[in-house]
Amino acid sequence: MTDKAAELARREQAARAAIKNGFDMEDEESGAAMFVAFHLEELPPEYWQEQMETARPDPAAVLDILELDEHWGEEDALEYLDFTLPGKVTDYVISVHFDQKGKILEISMES
């Protein structure tokens, strides 16, 4: 595994943990909560049934099916990791912003 691939894997794991650890559906400022609430409202029950075997999943469980959509940054740095739902059903992502040392600075919902 190359250094960049290893760093991507490390940051992906850290990002997923931070998304889950900071998840609170009552926090209206939370990017992850906004993402989940929006998609639970907008996507049909059939989508959730297909992905999660339930027509109305628990909000926190939605985080378990997130896929890494892309990673990007200045000069090909791993500055941002964007996560989204399977099946290309949305233009929105949960974006995790890292500093140069790999510390998470922000988690937000982006389009």
C-alpha atoms as a PDB file:
ATOM      1  CA  MET A   1       0.000   0.000   0.000  1.00  0.00           C
ATOM      2  CA  THR A   2       1.415   3.382  -0.962  1.00  0.00           C
ATOM      3  CA  ASP A   3       1.826   6.170   1.569  1.00  0.00           C
ATOM      4  CA  LYS A   4      -1.046   8.096  -0.030  1.00  0.00           C
ATOM      5  CA  ALA A   5      -3.347   5.046  -0.024  1.00  0.00           C
ATOM      6  CA  ALA A   6      -2.492   4.375   3.626  1.00  0.00           C
ATOM      7  CA  GLU A   7      -3.173   7.999   4.538  1.00  0.00           C
ATOM      8  CA  LEU A   8      -6.470   7.940   2.644  1.00  0.00           C
ATOM      9  CA  ALA A   9      -7.516   4.791   4.512  1.00  0.00           C
ATOM     10  CA  ARG A  10      -6.531   6.379   7.844  1.00  0.00           C
ATOM     11  CA  ARG A  11      -8.436   9.581   7.081  1.00  0.00           C
ATOM     12  CA  GLU A  12     -11.485   7.706   5.823  1.00  0.00           C
ATOM     13  CA  GLN A  13     -11.623   5.733   9.074  1.00  0.00           C
ATOM     14  CA  ALA A  14     -11.174   8.927  11.129  1.00  0.00           C
ATOM     15  CA  ALA A  15     -13.840  10.738   9.095  1.00  0.00           C
ATOM     16  CA  ARG A  16     -16.371   7.929   9.509  1.00  0.00           C
ATOM     17  CA  ALA A  17     -15.738   7.820  13.263  1.00  0.00           C
ATOM     18  CA  ALA A  18     -16.080  11.605  13.578  1.00  0.00           C
ATOM     19  CA  ILE A  19     -19.330  11.628  11.575  1.00  0.00           C
ATOM     20  CA  LYS A  20     -20.815   8.962  13.844  1.00  0.00           C
ATOM     21  CA  ASN A  21     -19.437  10.376  17.097  1.00  0.00           C
ATOM     22  CA  GLY A  22     -20.756  13.853  16.381  1.00  0.00           C
ATOM     23  CA  PHE A  23     -24.124  12.721  15.055  1.00  0.00           C
ATOM     24  CA  ASP A  24     -27.100  14.270  16.826  1.00  0.00           C
ATOM     25  CA  MET A  25     -30.428  14.650  15.042  1.00  0.00           C
ATOM     26  CA  GLU A  26     -31.365  17.421  17.494  1.00  0.00           C
ATOM     27  CA  ASP A  27     -28.397  19.566  16.401  1.00  0.00           C
ATOM     28  CA  GLU A  28     -29.736  21.704  13.559  1.00  0.00           C
ATOM     29  CA  GLU A  29     -26.209  22.902  12.712  1.00  0.00           C
ATOM     30  CA  SER A  30     -24.816  19.391  12.236  1.00  0.00           C
ATOM     31  CA  GLY A  31     -23.973  18.675   8.606  1.00  0.00           C
ATOM     32  CA  ALA A  32     -24.509  14.953   9.114  1.00  0.00           C
ATOM     33  CA  ALA A  33     -27.896  15.478  10.789  1.00  0.00           C
ATOM     34  CA  MET A  34     -29.015  17.828   8.000  1.00  0.00           C
ATOM     35  CA  PHE A  35     -27.903  15.293   5.376  1.00  0.00           C
ATOM     36  CA  VAL A  36     -29.742  12.400   7.043  1.00  0.00           C
ATOM     37  CA  ALA A  37     -32.925  14.365   7.801  1.00  0.00           C
ATOM     38  CA  PHE A  38     -33.101  15.699   4.242  1.00  0.00           C
ATOM     39  CA  HIS A  39     -32.678  12.291   2.640  1.00  0.00           C
ATOM     40  CA  LEU A  40     -35.068  10.483   4.987  1.00  0.00           C
ATOM     41  CA  GLU A  41     -37.677  13.043   3.942  1.00  0.00           C
ATOM     42  CA  GLU A  42     -36.882  13.191   0.219  1.00  0.00           C
ATOM     43  CA  LEU A  43     -36.065   9.636  -0.804  1.00  0.00           C
ATOM     44  CA  PRO A  44     -38.906   7.137  -1.251  1.00  0.00           C
ATOM     45  CA  PRO A  45     -39.423   4.250   1.181  1.00  0.00           C
ATOM     46  CA  GLU A  46     -38.493   1.854  -1.644  1.00  0.00           C
ATOM     47  CA  TYR A  47     -34.936   3.233  -1.683  1.00  0.00           C
ATOM     48  CA  TRP A  48     -34.489   2.612   2.036  1.00  0.00           C
ATOM     49  CA  GLN A  49     -36.088  -0.820   1.750  1.00  0.00           C
ATOM     50  CA  GLU A  50     -33.614  -1.770  -0.976  1.00  0.00           C
ATOM     51  CA  GLN A  51     -30.579  -0.378   0.839  1.00  0.00           C
ATOM     52  CA  MET A  52     -31.416  -1.178   4.453  1.00  0.00           C
ATOM     53  CA  GLU A  53     -34.311  -3.644   4.418  1.00  0.00           C
ATOM     54  CA  THR A  54     -36.637  -1.161   6.128  1.00  0.00           C
ATOM     55  CA  ALA A  55     -38.836   1.562   4.675  1.00  0.00           C
ATOM     56  CA  ARG A  56     -37.955   4.003   7.481  1.00  0.00           C
ATOM     57  CA  PRO A  57     -34.460   3.409   8.895  1.00  0.00           C
ATOM     58  CA  ASP A  58     -33.176   4.728  12.169  1.00  0.00           C
ATOM     59  CA  PRO A  59     -31.405   8.018  11.341  1.00  0.00           C
ATOM     60  CA  ALA A  60     -28.089   6.921  12.865  1.00  0.00           C
ATOM     61  CA  ALA A  61     -28.143   3.710  10.793  1.00  0.00           C
ATOM     62  CA  VAL A  62     -28.087   5.769   7.585  1.00  0.00           C
ATOM     63  CA  LEU A  63     -24.473   6.666   8.406  1.00  0.00           C
ATOM     64  CA  ASP A  64     -23.522   2.989   8.093  1.00  0.00           C
ATOM     65  CA  ILE A  65     -24.292   2.884   4.370  1.00  0.00           C
ATOM     66  CA  LEU A  66     -22.367   6.019   3.393  1.00  0.00           C
ATOM     67  CA  GLU A  67     -19.860   5.529   0.589  1.00  0.00           C
ATOM     68  CA  LEU A  68     -16.693   7.514   0.007  1.00  0.00           C
ATOM     69  CA  ASP A  69     -17.576   9.543  -3.076  1.00  0.00           C
ATOM     70  CA  GLU A  70     -14.352  11.438  -3.643  1.00  0.00           C
ATOM     71  CA  HIS A  71     -11.323  12.966  -1.975  1.00  0.00           C
ATOM     72  CA  TRP A  72      -9.699  16.181  -3.043  1.00  0.00           C
ATOM     73  CA  GLY A  73      -7.652  19.206  -2.072  1.00  0.00           C
ATOM     74  CA  GLU A  74      -4.988  21.607  -3.234  1.00  0.00           C
ATOM     75  CA  GLU A  75      -2.165  19.896  -5.142  1.00  0.00           C
ATOM     76  CA  ASP A  76      -3.900  16.513  -4.783  1.00  0.00           C
ATOM     77  CA  ALA A  77      -3.794  16.704  -0.980  1.00  0.00           C
ATOM     78  CA  LEU A  78      -6.295  14.684   1.039  1.00  0.00           C
ATOM     79  CA  GLU A  79      -7.914  17.837   2.395  1.00  0.00           C
ATOM     80  CA  TYR A  80     -11.574  16.875   1.852  1.00  0.00           C
ATOM     81  CA  LEU A  81     -13.311  13.500   1.923  1.00  0.00           C
ATOM     82  CA  ASP A  82     -16.879  13.472   0.615  1.00  0.00           C
ATOM     83  CA  PHE A  83     -19.368  10.740   1.563  1.00  0.00           C
ATOM     84  CA  THR A  84     -22.745  10.067  -0.022  1.00  0.00           C
ATOM     85  CA  LEU A  85     -25.512   7.492  -0.301  1.00  0.00           C
ATOM     86  CA  PRO A  86     -25.236   4.450  -2.569  1.00  0.00           C
ATOM     87  CA  GLY A  87     -26.827   4.467  -5.994  1.00  0.00           C
ATOM     88  CA  LYS A  88     -26.159   8.029  -7.139  1.00  0.00           C
ATOM     89  CA  VAL A  89     -29.508   9.179  -5.700  1.00  0.00           C
ATOM     90  CA  THR A  90     -28.323  12.594  -4.523  1.00  0.00           C
ATOM     91  CA  ASP A  91     -26.048  15.481  -5.380  1.00  0.00           C
ATOM     92  CA  TYR A  92     -25.391  16.112  -1.677  1.00  0.00           C
ATOM     93  CA  VAL A  93     -22.443  14.872   0.355  1.00  0.00           C
ATOM     94  CA  ILE A  94     -21.193  14.903   3.906  1.00  0.00           C
ATOM     95  CA  SER A  95     -17.838  16.607   3.485  1.00  0.00           C
ATOM     96  CA  VAL A  96     -15.085  16.141   6.072  1.00  0.00           C
ATOM     97  CA  HIS A  97     -12.378  18.817   5.999  1.00  0.00           C
ATOM     98  CA  PHE A  98      -8.889  17.974   7.311  1.00  0.00           C
ATOM     99  CA  ASP A  99      -5.944  20.257   8.048  1.00  0.00           C
ATOM    100  CA  GLN A 100      -2.477  19.490   6.665  1.00  0.00           C
ATOM    101  CA  LYS A 101      -1.639  17.319   9.682  1.00  0.00           C
ATOM    102  CA  GLY A 102      -4.755  15.182   9.302  1.00  0.00           C
ATOM    103  CA  LYS A 103      -6.850  16.750  12.059  1.00  0.00           C
ATOM    104  CA  ILE A 104     -10.563  17.136  11.294  1.00  0.00           C
ATOM    105  CA  LEU A 105     -11.576  20.773  11.091  1.00  0.00           C
ATOM    106  CA  GLU A 106     -15.208  20.567  10.001  1.00  0.00           C
ATOM    107  CA  ILE A 107     -18.014  18.246   8.926  1.00  0.00           C
ATOM    108  CA  SER A 108     -20.622  19.804   6.648  1.00  0.00           C
ATOM    109  CA  MET A 109     -23.363  19.017   4.164  1.00  0.00           C
ATOM    110  CA  GLU A 110     -22.441  20.200   0.662  1.00  0.00           C
ATOM    111  CA  SER A 111     -23.832  19.931  -2.838  1.00  0.00           C
END
